[in-house]
Amino acid sequence: MVYTGSLSNLAVLLLAHPDIKDKVELLSIMGGAIRLGNESPSSEYNIYTDPEAAKIVFAAGFENVFLATLDITHTV
């Protein structure tokens, strides 16, 4: 499963069907920032637009998560 935007839809899905996470082999998210954000000095747009959804997704307990931060996307 690949997310390149806000995590709102995934959070809604998880709230309705929490066991769906067990069917996801790898969750790949483009979001977050290590050094500098693009929405504010410390935040990246995809997480900034719905931080509550990001909290739900990150706390869901997915077995494998790859987080491609803004820093990675600038490098690549």
PDB file of N, CA and C in Angstrom:
ATOM      1  N   MET A   1       0.854  -1.158   0.000  1.00  0.00           N
ATOM      2  CA  MET A   1       0.000   0.000   0.000  1.00  0.00           C
ATOM      3  C   MET A   1       0.906   1.228   0.000  1.00  0.00           C
ATOM      4  N   VAL A   2       0.627   2.177  -0.895  1.00  0.00           N
ATOM      5  CA  VAL A   2       1.461   3.372  -1.039  1.00  0.00           C
ATOM      6  C   VAL A   2       0.611   4.616  -0.833  1.00  0.00           C
ATOM      7  N   TYR A   3       1.064   5.494   0.039  1.00  0.00           N
ATOM      8  CA  TYR A   3       0.390   6.773   0.277  1.00  0.00           C
ATOM      9  C   TYR A   3       1.344   7.907  -0.022  1.00  0.00           C
ATOM     10  N   THR A   4       0.915   8.816  -0.906  1.00  0.00           N
ATOM     11  CA  THR A   4       1.748   9.959  -1.268  1.00  0.00           C
ATOM     12  C   THR A   4       1.064  11.274  -0.893  1.00  0.00           C
ATOM     13  N   GLY A   5       0.074  11.225  -0.058  1.00  0.00           N
ATOM     14  CA  GLY A   5      -0.647  12.415   0.375  1.00  0.00           C
ATOM     15  C   GLY A   5      -1.083  12.258   1.815  1.00  0.00           C
ATOM     16  N   SER A   6      -2.086  13.028   2.198  1.00  0.00           N
ATOM     17  CA  SER A   6      -2.630  12.960   3.552  1.00  0.00           C
ATOM     18  C   SER A   6      -3.094  11.539   3.864  1.00  0.00           C
ATOM     19  N   LEU A   7      -3.025  11.175   5.124  1.00  0.00           N
ATOM     20  CA  LEU A   7      -3.383   9.818   5.537  1.00  0.00           C
ATOM     21  C   LEU A   7      -4.839   9.709   6.007  1.00  0.00           C
ATOM     22  N   SER A   8      -5.646  10.703   5.691  1.00  0.00           N
ATOM     23  CA  SER A   8      -7.037  10.764   6.165  1.00  0.00           C
ATOM     24  C   SER A   8      -7.848   9.526   5.793  1.00  0.00           C
ATOM     25  N   ASN A   9      -7.830   9.133   4.533  1.00  0.00           N
ATOM     26  CA  ASN A   9      -8.631   7.983   4.091  1.00  0.00           C
ATOM     27  C   ASN A   9      -8.184   6.689   4.754  1.00  0.00           C
ATOM     28  N   LEU A  10      -6.890   6.524   4.914  1.00  0.00           N
ATOM     29  CA  LEU A  10      -6.390   5.315   5.562  1.00  0.00           C
ATOM     30  C   LEU A  10      -6.798   5.289   7.030  1.00  0.00           C
ATOM     31  N   ALA A  11      -6.770   6.427   7.694  1.00  0.00           N
ATOM     32  CA  ALA A  11      -7.179   6.492   9.100  1.00  0.00           C
ATOM     33  C   ALA A  11      -8.656   6.118   9.254  1.00  0.00           C
ATOM     34  N   VAL A  12      -9.500   6.617   8.360  1.00  0.00           N
ATOM     35  CA  VAL A  12     -10.929   6.282   8.401  1.00  0.00           C
ATOM     36  C   VAL A  12     -11.120   4.785   8.191  1.00  0.00           C
ATOM     37  N   LEU A  13     -10.399   4.216   7.236  1.00  0.00           N
ATOM     38  CA  LEU A  13     -10.470   2.776   6.984  1.00  0.00           C
ATOM     39  C   LEU A  13     -10.046   1.986   8.222  1.00  0.00           C
ATOM     40  N   LEU A  14      -8.970   2.408   8.865  1.00  0.00           N
ATOM     41  CA  LEU A  14      -8.485   1.709  10.058  1.00  0.00           C
ATOM     42  C   LEU A  14      -9.468   1.794  11.222  1.00  0.00           C
ATOM     43  N   LEU A  15     -10.125   2.927  11.355  1.00  0.00           N
ATOM     44  CA  LEU A  15     -11.112   3.058  12.428  1.00  0.00           C
ATOM     45  C   LEU A  15     -12.305   2.135  12.192  1.00  0.00           C
ATOM     46  N   ALA A  16     -12.685   1.964  10.941  1.00  0.00           N
ATOM     47  CA  ALA A  16     -13.821   1.099  10.600  1.00  0.00           C
ATOM     48  C   ALA A  16     -13.439  -0.378  10.591  1.00  0.00           C
ATOM     49  N   HIS A  17     -12.210  -0.681  10.163  1.00  0.00           N
ATOM     50  CA  HIS A  17     -11.750  -2.069  10.015  1.00  0.00           C
ATOM     51  C   HIS A  17     -10.307  -2.189  10.519  1.00  0.00           C
ATOM     52  N   PRO A  18     -10.094  -2.176  11.819  1.00  0.00           N
ATOM     53  CA  PRO A  18      -8.730  -2.184  12.358  1.00  0.00           C
ATOM     54  C   PRO A  18      -7.885  -3.388  11.933  1.00  0.00           C
ATOM     55  N   ASP A  19      -8.515  -4.497  11.616  1.00  0.00           N
ATOM     56  CA  ASP A  19      -7.756  -5.694  11.227  1.00  0.00           C
ATOM     57  C   ASP A  19      -7.197  -5.615   9.814  1.00  0.00           C
ATOM     58  N   ILE A  20      -7.570  -4.595   9.066  1.00  0.00           N
ATOM     59  CA  ILE A  20      -7.074  -4.458   7.689  1.00  0.00           C
ATOM     60  C   ILE A  20      -5.553  -4.355   7.679  1.00  0.00           C
ATOM     61  N   LYS A  21      -4.974  -3.836   8.744  1.00  0.00           N
ATOM     62  CA  LYS A  21      -3.510  -3.685   8.808  1.00  0.00           C
ATOM     63  C   LYS A  21      -2.811  -5.030   8.677  1.00  0.00           C
ATOM     64  N   ASP A  22      -3.455  -6.099   9.095  1.00  0.00           N
ATOM     65  CA  ASP A  22      -2.850  -7.432   9.011  1.00  0.00           C
ATOM     66  C   ASP A  22      -2.766  -7.945   7.580  1.00  0.00           C
ATOM     67  N   LYS A  23      -3.490  -7.339   6.673  1.00  0.00           N
ATOM     68  CA  LYS A  23      -3.475  -7.755   5.269  1.00  0.00           C
ATOM     69  C   LYS A  23      -2.497  -6.941   4.425  1.00  0.00           C
ATOM     70  N   VAL A  24      -1.856  -5.952   5.044  1.00  0.00           N
ATOM     71  CA  VAL A  24      -0.926  -5.075   4.332  1.00  0.00           C
ATOM     72  C   VAL A  24       0.499  -5.558   4.575  1.00  0.00           C
ATOM     73  N   GLU A  25       1.161  -5.988   3.504  1.00  0.00           N
ATOM     74  CA  GLU A  25       2.528  -6.496   3.621  1.00  0.00           C
ATOM     75  C   GLU A  25       3.523  -5.375   3.901  1.00  0.00           C
ATOM     76  N   LEU A  26       3.359  -4.237   3.221  1.00  0.00           N
ATOM     77  CA  LEU A  26       4.252  -3.088   3.392  1.00  0.00           C
ATOM     78  C   LEU A  26       3.445  -1.816   3.189  1.00  0.00           C
ATOM     79  N   LEU A  27       3.560  -0.897   4.133  1.00  0.00           N
ATOM     80  CA  LEU A  27       2.928   0.412   4.015  1.00  0.00           C
ATOM     81  C   LEU A  27       4.035   1.416   3.717  1.00  0.00           C
ATOM     82  N   SER A  28       3.948   2.058   2.571  1.00  0.00           N
ATOM     83  CA  SER A  28       4.937   3.048   2.158  1.00  0.00           C
ATOM     84  C   SER A  28       4.275   4.421   2.170  1.00  0.00           C
ATOM     85  N   ILE A  29       4.855   5.342   2.947  1.00  0.00           N
ATOM     86  CA  ILE A  29       4.275   6.671   3.124  1.00  0.00           C
ATOM     87  C   ILE A  29       5.290   7.726   2.717  1.00  0.00           C
ATOM     88  N   MET A  30       4.852   8.677   1.893  1.00  0.00           N
ATOM     89  CA  MET A  30       5.666   9.843   1.617  1.00  0.00           C
ATOM     90  C   MET A  30       5.158  10.940   2.549  1.00  0.00           C
ATOM     91  N   GLY A  31       5.938  11.228   3.586  1.00  0.00           N
ATOM     92  CA  GLY A  31       5.497  12.228   4.550  1.00  0.00           C
ATOM     93  C   GLY A  31       6.530  12.442   5.631  1.00  0.00           C
ATOM     94  N   GLY A  32       6.393  13.544   6.313  1.00  0.00           N
ATOM     95  CA  GLY A  32       7.302  13.887   7.397  1.00  0.00           C
ATOM     96  C   GLY A  32       8.568  14.546   6.878  1.00  0.00           C
ATOM     97  N   ALA A  33       9.323  15.086   7.800  1.00  0.00           N
ATOM     98  CA  ALA A  33      10.581  15.748   7.456  1.00  0.00           C
ATOM     99  C   ALA A  33      11.558  15.579   8.610  1.00  0.00           C
ATOM    100  N   ILE A  34      12.816  15.462   8.286  1.00  0.00           N
ATOM    101  CA  ILE A  34      13.848  15.354   9.315  1.00  0.00           C
ATOM    102  C   ILE A  34      14.481  16.712   9.564  1.00  0.00           C
ATOM    103  N   ARG A  35      14.831  17.406   8.507  1.00  0.00           N
ATOM    104  CA  ARG A  35      15.510  18.698   8.654  1.00  0.00           C
ATOM    105  C   ARG A  35      14.540  19.865   8.565  1.00  0.00           C
ATOM    106  N   LEU A  36      14.021  20.100   7.379  1.00  0.00           N
ATOM    107  CA  LEU A  36      13.192  21.263   7.131  1.00  0.00           C
ATOM    108  C   LEU A  36      11.889  20.856   6.466  1.00  0.00           C
ATOM    109  N   GLY A  37      10.787  21.399   6.932  1.00  0.00           N
ATOM    110  CA  GLY A  37       9.501  21.088   6.339  1.00  0.00           C
ATOM    111  C   GLY A  37       9.197  21.973   5.146  1.00  0.00           C
ATOM    112  N   ASN A  38       8.102  21.673   4.454  1.00  0.00           N
ATOM    113  CA  ASN A  38       7.680  22.512   3.338  1.00  0.00           C
ATOM    114  C   ASN A  38       6.397  23.276   3.653  1.00  0.00           C
ATOM    115  N   GLU A  39       5.773  22.958   4.778  1.00  0.00           N
ATOM    116  CA  GLU A  39       4.565  23.657   5.200  1.00  0.00           C
ATOM    117  C   GLU A  39       4.891  24.684   6.286  1.00  0.00           C
ATOM    118  N   SER A  40       5.855  24.367   7.108  1.00  0.00           N
ATOM    119  CA  SER A  40       6.375  25.268   8.137  1.00  0.00           C
ATOM    120  C   SER A  40       7.826  24.837   8.359  1.00  0.00           C
ATOM    121  N   PRO A  41       8.564  25.545   9.178  1.00  0.00           N
ATOM    122  CA  PRO A  41       9.967  25.143   9.388  1.00  0.00           C
ATOM    123  C   PRO A  41      10.140  23.704   9.893  1.00  0.00           C
ATOM    124  N   SER A  42       9.112  23.163  10.559  1.00  0.00           N
ATOM    125  CA  SER A  42       9.287  21.823  11.114  1.00  0.00           C
ATOM    126  C   SER A  42       8.256  20.803  10.643  1.00  0.00           C
ATOM    127  N   SER A  43       7.383  21.157   9.717  1.00  0.00           N
ATOM    128  CA  SER A  43       6.367  20.191   9.303  1.00  0.00           C
ATOM    129  C   SER A  43       6.271  20.054   7.783  1.00  0.00           C
ATOM    130  N   GLU A  44       5.939  18.843   7.382  1.00  0.00           N
ATOM    131  CA  GLU A  44       5.793  18.496   5.968  1.00  0.00           C
ATOM    132  C   GLU A  44       4.298  18.432   5.658  1.00  0.00           C
ATOM    133  N   TYR A  45       3.906  18.825   4.466  1.00  0.00           N
ATOM    134  CA  TYR A  45       2.507  19.027   4.087  1.00  0.00           C
ATOM    135  C   TYR A  45       1.613  17.805   4.328  1.00  0.00           C
ATOM    136  N   ASN A  46       2.015  16.626   3.907  1.00  0.00           N
ATOM    137  CA  ASN A  46       1.150  15.444   3.989  1.00  0.00           C
ATOM    138  C   ASN A  46       0.780  15.089   5.424  1.00  0.00           C
ATOM    139  N   ILE A  47       1.660  15.315   6.359  1.00  0.00           N
ATOM    140  CA  ILE A  47       1.372  15.056   7.770  1.00  0.00           C
ATOM    141  C   ILE A  47       0.670  16.268   8.379  1.00  0.00           C
ATOM    142  N   TYR A  48       1.081  17.453   7.989  1.00  0.00           N
ATOM    143  CA  TYR A  48       0.530  18.702   8.517  1.00  0.00           C
ATOM    144  C   TYR A  48      -0.965  18.840   8.241  1.00  0.00           C
ATOM    145  N   THR A  49      -1.423  18.380   7.080  1.00  0.00           N
ATOM    146  CA  THR A  49      -2.822  18.565   6.708  1.00  0.00           C
ATOM    147  C   THR A  49      -3.782  17.755   7.569  1.00  0.00           C
ATOM    148  N   ASP A  50      -3.340  16.643   8.129  1.00  0.00           N
ATOM    149  CA  ASP A  50      -4.205  15.846   9.005  1.00  0.00           C
ATOM    150  C   ASP A  50      -3.350  15.085  10.021  1.00  0.00           C
ATOM    151  N   PRO A  51      -2.846  15.784  11.028  1.00  0.00           N
ATOM    152  CA  PRO A  51      -1.984  15.124  12.012  1.00  0.00           C
ATOM    153  C   PRO A  51      -2.712  14.055  12.825  1.00  0.00           C
ATOM    154  N   GLU A  52      -4.019  14.206  13.025  1.00  0.00           N
ATOM    155  CA  GLU A  52      -4.775  13.188  13.760  1.00  0.00           C
ATOM    156  C   GLU A  52      -4.798  11.877  12.985  1.00  0.00           C
ATOM    157  N   ALA A  53      -4.959  11.974  11.671  1.00  0.00           N
ATOM    158  CA  ALA A  53      -4.944  10.769  10.838  1.00  0.00           C
ATOM    159  C   ALA A  53      -3.569  10.114  10.885  1.00  0.00           C
ATOM    160  N   ALA A  54      -2.513  10.917  10.816  1.00  0.00           N
ATOM    161  CA  ALA A  54      -1.161  10.369  10.893  1.00  0.00           C
ATOM    162  C   ALA A  54      -0.957   9.632  12.214  1.00  0.00           C
ATOM    163  N   LYS A  55      -1.458  10.196  13.297  1.00  0.00           N
ATOM    164  CA  LYS A  55      -1.328   9.547  14.609  1.00  0.00           C
ATOM    165  C   LYS A  55      -2.037   8.192  14.618  1.00  0.00           C
ATOM    166  N   ILE A  56      -3.233   8.142  14.041  1.00  0.00           N
ATOM    167  CA  ILE A  56      -3.988   6.884  13.972  1.00  0.00           C
ATOM    168  C   ILE A  56      -3.224   5.843  13.157  1.00  0.00           C
ATOM    169  N   VAL A  57      -2.696   6.245  12.011  1.00  0.00           N
ATOM    170  CA  VAL A  57      -1.986   5.312  11.128  1.00  0.00           C
ATOM    171  C   VAL A  57      -0.705   4.812  11.791  1.00  0.00           C
ATOM    172  N   PHE A  58       0.081   5.726  12.369  1.00  0.00           N
ATOM    173  CA  PHE A  58       1.349   5.321  12.975  1.00  0.00           C
ATOM    174  C   PHE A  58       1.145   4.470  14.229  1.00  0.00           C
ATOM    175  N   ALA A  59       0.013   4.633  14.893  1.00  0.00           N
ATOM    176  CA  ALA A  59      -0.274   3.852  16.096  1.00  0.00           C
ATOM    177  C   ALA A  59      -1.003   2.541  15.801  1.00  0.00           C
ATOM    178  N   ALA A  60      -1.359   2.315  14.546  1.00  0.00           N
ATOM    179  CA  ALA A  60      -2.178   1.145  14.181  1.00  0.00           C
ATOM    180  C   ALA A  60      -1.450  -0.183  14.340  1.00  0.00           C
ATOM    181  N   GLY A  61      -0.144  -0.167  14.279  1.00  0.00           N
ATOM    182  CA  GLY A  61       0.605  -1.407  14.447  1.00  0.00           C
ATOM    183  C   GLY A  61       0.902  -2.153  13.167  1.00  0.00           C
ATOM    184  N   PHE A  62       1.079  -1.415  12.062  1.00  0.00           N
ATOM    185  CA  PHE A  62       1.500  -2.073  10.821  1.00  0.00           C
ATOM    186  C   PHE A  62       2.849  -2.736  11.057  1.00  0.00           C
ATOM    187  N   GLU A  63       3.016  -3.924  10.486  1.00  0.00           N
ATOM    188  CA  GLU A  63       4.252  -4.670  10.693  1.00  0.00           C
ATOM    189  C   GLU A  63       5.432  -4.042   9.958  1.00  0.00           C
ATOM    190  N   ASN A  64       5.241  -3.607   8.720  1.00  0.00           N
ATOM    191  CA  ASN A  64       6.316  -3.023   7.920  1.00  0.00           C
ATOM    192  C   ASN A  64       5.886  -1.665   7.385  1.00  0.00           C
ATOM    193  N   VAL A  65       6.613  -0.629   7.791  1.00  0.00           N
ATOM    194  CA  VAL A  65       6.316   0.731   7.338  1.00  0.00           C
ATOM    195  C   VAL A  65       7.596   1.348   6.797  1.00  0.00           C
ATOM    196  N   PHE A  66       7.504   1.908   5.597  1.00  0.00           N
ATOM    197  CA  PHE A  66       8.622   2.664   5.015  1.00  0.00           C
ATOM    198  C   PHE A  66       8.158   4.104   4.914  1.00  0.00           C
ATOM    199  N   LEU A  67       8.868   5.000   5.575  1.00  0.00           N
ATOM    200  CA  LEU A  67       8.521   6.417   5.564  1.00  0.00           C
ATOM    201  C   LEU A  67       9.557   7.162   4.743  1.00  0.00           C
ATOM    202  N   ALA A  68       9.127   7.648   3.583  1.00  0.00           N
ATOM    203  CA  ALA A  68      10.003   8.456   2.721  1.00  0.00           C
ATOM    204  C   ALA A  68       9.774   9.915   3.090  1.00  0.00           C
ATOM    205  N   THR A  69      10.707  10.483   3.819  1.00  0.00           N
ATOM    206  CA  THR A  69      10.545  11.863   4.279  1.00  0.00           C
ATOM    207  C   THR A  69      10.807  12.853   3.137  1.00  0.00           C
ATOM    208  N   LEU A  70      10.447  14.084   3.384  1.00  0.00           N
ATOM    209  CA  LEU A  70      10.667  15.149   2.418  1.00  0.00           C
ATOM    210  C   LEU A  70      12.146  15.232   2.034  1.00  0.00           C
ATOM    211  N   ASP A  71      13.026  14.988   2.991  1.00  0.00           N
ATOM    212  CA  ASP A  71      14.461  15.025   2.740  1.00  0.00           C
ATOM    213  C   ASP A  71      14.871  13.999   1.678  1.00  0.00           C
ATOM    214  N   ILE A  72      14.275  12.817   1.772  1.00  0.00           N
ATOM    215  CA  ILE A  72      14.572  11.756   0.786  1.00  0.00           C
ATOM    216  C   ILE A  72      14.090  12.174  -0.595  1.00  0.00           C
ATOM    217  N   THR A  73      12.878  12.742  -0.671  1.00  0.00           N
ATOM    218  CA  THR A  73      12.336  13.111  -1.978  1.00  0.00           C
ATOM    219  C   THR A  73      13.168  14.214  -2.632  1.00  0.00           C
ATOM    220  N   HIS A  74      13.753  15.088  -1.835  1.00  0.00           N
ATOM    221  CA  HIS A  74      14.636  16.137  -2.411  1.00  0.00           C
ATOM    222  C   HIS A  74      15.935  15.526  -2.911  1.00  0.00           C
ATOM    223  N   THR A  75      16.437  14.518  -2.222  1.00  0.00           N
ATOM    224  CA  THR A  75      17.680  13.881  -2.618  1.00  0.00           C
ATOM    225  C   THR A  75      17.486  13.051  -3.894  1.00  0.00           C
ATOM    226  N   VAL A  76      16.409  12.308  -3.944  1.00  0.00           N
ATOM    227  CA  VAL A  76      16.144  11.432  -5.073  1.00  0.00           C
ATOM    228  C   VAL A  76      15.674  12.264  -6.236  1.00  0.00           C
TER     229      VAL A  76
END
